[in-house]
C-alpha cells in the first residue's frame, strides 16, 4: 500500500460513494489537507532492537447506516508499518 497512514479514511470513504453527504465531504477535505504537506514524506522501516513484533488493531462497530463496521491492523517491528490492512 502506498499510504498506509490514510488507509482507514480511504476504506471508509469508498463505502460512501453512492450516497455521500456533507460529513463525507468534510472527511475527504480533511484527508486532502493532511496529504498536501506530507506528499514528500517517505516510509521508513527500522528495527527497534527488541526483536519484538507488534500488531496494532483498531475497530469501529456499526459505523455505517447498514451497520457495517471497520477494522484496521498494522504490523511493525519498530519504526514504520511492514503491512497495514483495513
N, C-alpha and C. Protein backbone atom coordinates (compact mmCIF):
# COMPACT_ATOMS: atom_id res chain seq x y z
N UNK A 1 0.83 -1.16 0.00
CA UNK A 1 0.00 0.00 0.00
C UNK A 1 0.89 1.24 0.00
N UNK A 2 0.58 2.19 -0.80
CA UNK A 2 1.41 3.38 -0.93
C UNK A 2 1.32 4.29 0.28
N UNK A 3 0.16 4.47 0.87
CA UNK A 3 -0.01 5.37 2.02
C UNK A 3 -0.82 4.68 3.12
N UNK A 4 -0.17 3.84 3.93
CA UNK A 4 -0.90 3.15 4.99
C UNK A 4 -1.50 4.09 6.03
N UNK A 5 -0.97 5.31 6.12
CA UNK A 5 -1.47 6.26 7.10
C UNK A 5 -2.87 6.79 6.78
N UNK A 6 -3.34 6.59 5.55
CA UNK A 6 -4.70 7.04 5.21
C UNK A 6 -5.60 5.88 4.80
N UNK A 7 -5.16 4.66 5.04
CA UNK A 7 -5.94 3.50 4.58
C UNK A 7 -7.33 3.43 5.22
N UNK A 8 -7.44 3.79 6.48
CA UNK A 8 -8.75 3.74 7.12
C UNK A 8 -9.69 4.78 6.51
N UNK A 9 -9.17 5.98 6.27
CA UNK A 9 -10.00 7.02 5.65
C UNK A 9 -10.45 6.59 4.26
N UNK A 10 -9.55 6.01 3.49
CA UNK A 10 -9.89 5.53 2.13
C UNK A 10 -10.94 4.42 2.22
N UNK A 11 -10.74 3.48 3.13
CA UNK A 11 -11.70 2.38 3.28
C UNK A 11 -13.08 2.92 3.61
N UNK A 12 -13.16 3.91 4.48
CA UNK A 12 -14.45 4.49 4.84
C UNK A 12 -15.06 5.25 3.66
N UNK A 13 -14.27 6.14 3.07
CA UNK A 13 -14.82 6.99 2.01
C UNK A 13 -15.27 6.19 0.79
N UNK A 14 -14.62 5.09 0.50
CA UNK A 14 -15.03 4.29 -0.67
C UNK A 14 -16.37 3.60 -0.43
N UNK A 15 -16.79 3.48 0.82
CA UNK A 15 -18.11 2.90 1.08
C UNK A 15 -19.21 3.94 0.96
N UNK A 16 -18.84 5.21 0.81
CA UNK A 16 -19.80 6.30 0.79
C UNK A 16 -19.97 6.91 -0.60
N UNK A 17 -19.51 6.24 -1.63
CA UNK A 17 -19.52 6.79 -2.98
C UNK A 17 -20.95 6.95 -3.52
N UNK A 18 -21.82 6.03 -3.23
CA UNK A 18 -23.17 6.09 -3.80
C UNK A 18 -24.04 7.18 -3.20
N UNK A 19 -23.93 7.38 -1.89
CA UNK A 19 -24.78 8.38 -1.24
C UNK A 19 -23.95 9.24 -0.28
N UNK A 20 -23.02 10.01 -0.81
CA UNK A 20 -22.22 10.85 0.09
C UNK A 20 -23.04 11.99 0.67
N UNK A 21 -22.66 12.41 1.86
CA UNK A 21 -23.32 13.55 2.47
C UNK A 21 -22.27 14.61 2.83
N UNK A 22 -22.69 15.68 3.47
CA UNK A 22 -21.77 16.77 3.81
C UNK A 22 -20.66 16.30 4.74
N UNK A 23 -20.98 15.41 5.66
CA UNK A 23 -19.97 14.87 6.58
C UNK A 23 -18.89 14.09 5.82
N UNK A 24 -19.31 13.33 4.81
CA UNK A 24 -18.34 12.59 3.99
C UNK A 24 -17.42 13.55 3.24
N UNK A 25 -18.00 14.62 2.71
CA UNK A 25 -17.20 15.63 2.01
C UNK A 25 -16.18 16.25 2.98
N UNK A 26 -16.61 16.55 4.18
CA UNK A 26 -15.70 17.12 5.18
C UNK A 26 -14.55 16.17 5.50
N UNK A 27 -14.86 14.89 5.58
CA UNK A 27 -13.81 13.90 5.84
C UNK A 27 -12.81 13.84 4.68
N UNK A 28 -13.31 13.92 3.46
CA UNK A 28 -12.43 13.92 2.29
C UNK A 28 -11.54 15.17 2.29
N UNK A 29 -12.11 16.31 2.57
CA UNK A 29 -11.33 17.56 2.61
C UNK A 29 -10.27 17.48 3.70
N UNK A 30 -10.63 16.93 4.86
CA UNK A 30 -9.67 16.79 5.97
C UNK A 30 -8.51 15.88 5.55
N UNK A 31 -8.81 14.78 4.88
CA UNK A 31 -7.76 13.88 4.42
C UNK A 31 -6.85 14.57 3.40
N UNK A 32 -7.43 15.31 2.49
CA UNK A 32 -6.63 16.02 1.48
C UNK A 32 -5.74 17.08 2.13
N UNK A 33 -6.24 17.75 3.15
CA UNK A 33 -5.42 18.73 3.87
C UNK A 33 -4.26 18.05 4.58
N UNK A 34 -4.48 16.83 5.06
CA UNK A 34 -3.39 16.06 5.68
C UNK A 34 -2.35 15.66 4.63
N UNK A 35 -2.82 15.26 3.46
CA UNK A 35 -1.91 14.77 2.42
C UNK A 35 -1.00 15.85 1.84
N UNK A 36 -1.52 17.05 1.68
CA UNK A 36 -0.75 18.10 1.00
C UNK A 36 0.63 18.33 1.62
N UNK A 37 0.75 18.57 2.93
CA UNK A 37 2.10 18.80 3.48
C UNK A 37 2.93 17.52 3.65
N UNK A 38 2.32 16.36 3.49
CA UNK A 38 3.06 15.11 3.68
C UNK A 38 3.38 14.42 2.36
N UNK A 39 3.17 15.10 1.24
CA UNK A 39 3.32 14.48 -0.07
C UNK A 39 4.74 13.95 -0.33
N UNK A 40 5.74 14.57 0.26
CA UNK A 40 7.12 14.12 0.04
C UNK A 40 7.65 13.25 1.18
N UNK A 41 6.81 12.92 2.14
CA UNK A 41 7.24 12.04 3.23
C UNK A 41 7.58 10.66 2.67
N UNK A 42 8.52 10.01 3.32
CA UNK A 42 8.92 8.66 2.89
C UNK A 42 8.62 7.67 4.00
N UNK A 43 8.27 6.48 3.60
CA UNK A 43 8.06 5.41 4.56
C UNK A 43 9.42 4.89 5.01
N UNK A 44 9.66 4.89 6.32
CA UNK A 44 10.92 4.43 6.88
C UNK A 44 10.66 3.19 7.71
N UNK A 45 11.40 2.14 7.45
CA UNK A 45 11.29 0.92 8.24
C UNK A 45 12.58 0.75 9.03
N UNK A 46 12.47 0.53 10.36
CA UNK A 46 13.62 0.32 11.22
C UNK A 46 13.27 -0.69 12.29
N UNK A 47 14.21 -1.56 12.58
CA UNK A 47 14.05 -2.45 13.73
C UNK A 47 14.37 -1.64 14.97
N UNK A 48 13.64 -1.91 16.06
CA UNK A 48 13.90 -1.16 17.29
C UNK A 48 14.90 -1.86 18.20
N UNK A 49 15.44 -3.00 17.78
CA UNK A 49 16.44 -3.71 18.57
C UNK A 49 15.88 -4.69 19.58
N UNK A 50 14.60 -4.65 19.84
CA UNK A 50 14.00 -5.53 20.85
C UNK A 50 13.65 -6.91 20.29
N UNK A 51 13.66 -7.06 18.98
CA UNK A 51 13.27 -8.31 18.31
C UNK A 51 11.81 -8.67 18.60
N UNK A 52 11.02 -7.68 18.98
CA UNK A 52 9.60 -7.92 19.22
C UNK A 52 8.80 -7.48 18.00
N UNK A 53 7.69 -8.17 17.77
CA UNK A 53 6.78 -7.83 16.69
C UNK A 53 5.49 -7.31 17.32
N UNK A 54 4.93 -6.28 16.70
CA UNK A 54 3.74 -5.65 17.25
C UNK A 54 2.62 -5.60 16.22
N UNK A 55 1.42 -5.96 16.65
CA UNK A 55 0.21 -5.75 15.88
C UNK A 55 -0.59 -4.68 16.59
N UNK A 56 -1.00 -3.67 15.87
CA UNK A 56 -1.88 -2.63 16.40
C UNK A 56 -3.21 -2.78 15.65
N UNK A 57 -4.27 -3.00 16.39
CA UNK A 57 -5.58 -3.25 15.79
C UNK A 57 -6.59 -2.27 16.37
N UNK A 58 -7.42 -1.73 15.50
CA UNK A 58 -8.46 -0.80 15.92
C UNK A 58 -9.74 -1.16 15.16
N UNK A 59 -10.87 -0.99 15.81
CA UNK A 59 -12.14 -1.32 15.17
C UNK A 59 -13.20 -0.31 15.55
N UNK A 60 -14.10 -0.07 14.63
CA UNK A 60 -15.28 0.76 14.87
C UNK A 60 -16.50 -0.08 14.52
N UNK A 61 -17.38 -0.26 15.47
CA UNK A 61 -18.53 -1.14 15.29
C UNK A 61 -19.74 -0.39 14.78
N UNK A 62 -20.35 -0.91 13.72
CA UNK A 62 -21.63 -0.42 13.17
C UNK A 62 -21.59 1.08 12.87
N UNK A 63 -20.60 1.52 12.13
CA UNK A 63 -20.45 2.95 11.84
C UNK A 63 -21.17 3.39 10.57
N UNK A 64 -21.74 2.46 9.83
CA UNK A 64 -22.44 2.78 8.60
C UNK A 64 -23.95 2.62 8.79
N UNK A 65 -24.74 3.26 7.95
CA UNK A 65 -26.20 3.11 8.05
C UNK A 65 -26.67 1.65 7.98
N UNK A 66 -25.92 0.81 7.27
CA UNK A 66 -26.29 -0.61 7.19
C UNK A 66 -25.63 -1.43 8.30
N UNK A 67 -25.07 -0.75 9.30
CA UNK A 67 -24.45 -1.34 10.49
C UNK A 67 -23.17 -2.13 10.21
N UNK A 68 -22.54 -1.86 9.08
CA UNK A 68 -21.24 -2.48 8.84
C UNK A 68 -20.19 -1.78 9.68
N UNK A 69 -19.08 -2.49 9.93
CA UNK A 69 -18.03 -1.98 10.79
C UNK A 69 -16.73 -1.83 10.02
N UNK A 70 -15.74 -1.21 10.66
CA UNK A 70 -14.39 -1.07 10.09
C UNK A 70 -13.37 -1.63 11.06
N UNK A 71 -12.36 -2.30 10.53
CA UNK A 71 -11.24 -2.77 11.33
C UNK A 71 -9.97 -2.46 10.58
N UNK A 72 -8.95 -2.05 11.31
CA UNK A 72 -7.64 -1.82 10.70
C UNK A 72 -6.59 -2.48 11.57
N UNK A 73 -5.60 -3.10 10.92
CA UNK A 73 -4.50 -3.74 11.63
C UNK A 73 -3.18 -3.33 10.98
N UNK A 74 -2.20 -3.05 11.81
CA UNK A 74 -0.87 -2.66 11.33
C UNK A 74 0.17 -3.50 12.03
N UNK A 75 1.13 -4.00 11.27
CA UNK A 75 2.21 -4.84 11.81
C UNK A 75 3.52 -4.08 11.70
N UNK A 76 4.28 -4.05 12.81
CA UNK A 76 5.55 -3.35 12.83
C UNK A 76 6.56 -4.11 13.69
N UNK A 77 7.82 -3.85 13.43
CA UNK A 77 8.90 -4.42 14.25
C UNK A 77 9.80 -3.28 14.74
N UNK A 78 9.23 -2.13 14.91
CA UNK A 78 9.99 -0.96 15.34
C UNK A 78 9.37 0.28 14.77
N UNK A 79 10.01 0.86 13.77
CA UNK A 79 9.53 2.09 13.16
C UNK A 79 9.05 1.81 11.74
N UNK A 80 7.83 2.23 11.45
CA UNK A 80 7.26 2.03 10.11
C UNK A 80 6.42 0.77 10.06
N UNK A 81 5.36 0.82 9.29
CA UNK A 81 4.45 -0.32 9.15
C UNK A 81 4.95 -1.25 8.06
N UNK A 82 5.14 -2.51 8.41
CA UNK A 82 5.53 -3.52 7.43
C UNK A 82 4.33 -3.87 6.57
N UNK A 83 3.19 -4.01 7.21
CA UNK A 83 1.95 -4.24 6.50
C UNK A 83 0.81 -3.55 7.24
N UNK A 84 -0.17 -3.14 6.51
CA UNK A 84 -1.32 -2.47 7.10
C UNK A 84 -2.54 -2.85 6.29
N UNK A 85 -3.58 -3.30 6.98
CA UNK A 85 -4.81 -3.71 6.30
C UNK A 85 -5.99 -3.00 6.92
N UNK A 86 -6.94 -2.64 6.08
CA UNK A 86 -8.15 -2.00 6.57
C UNK A 86 -9.35 -2.67 5.93
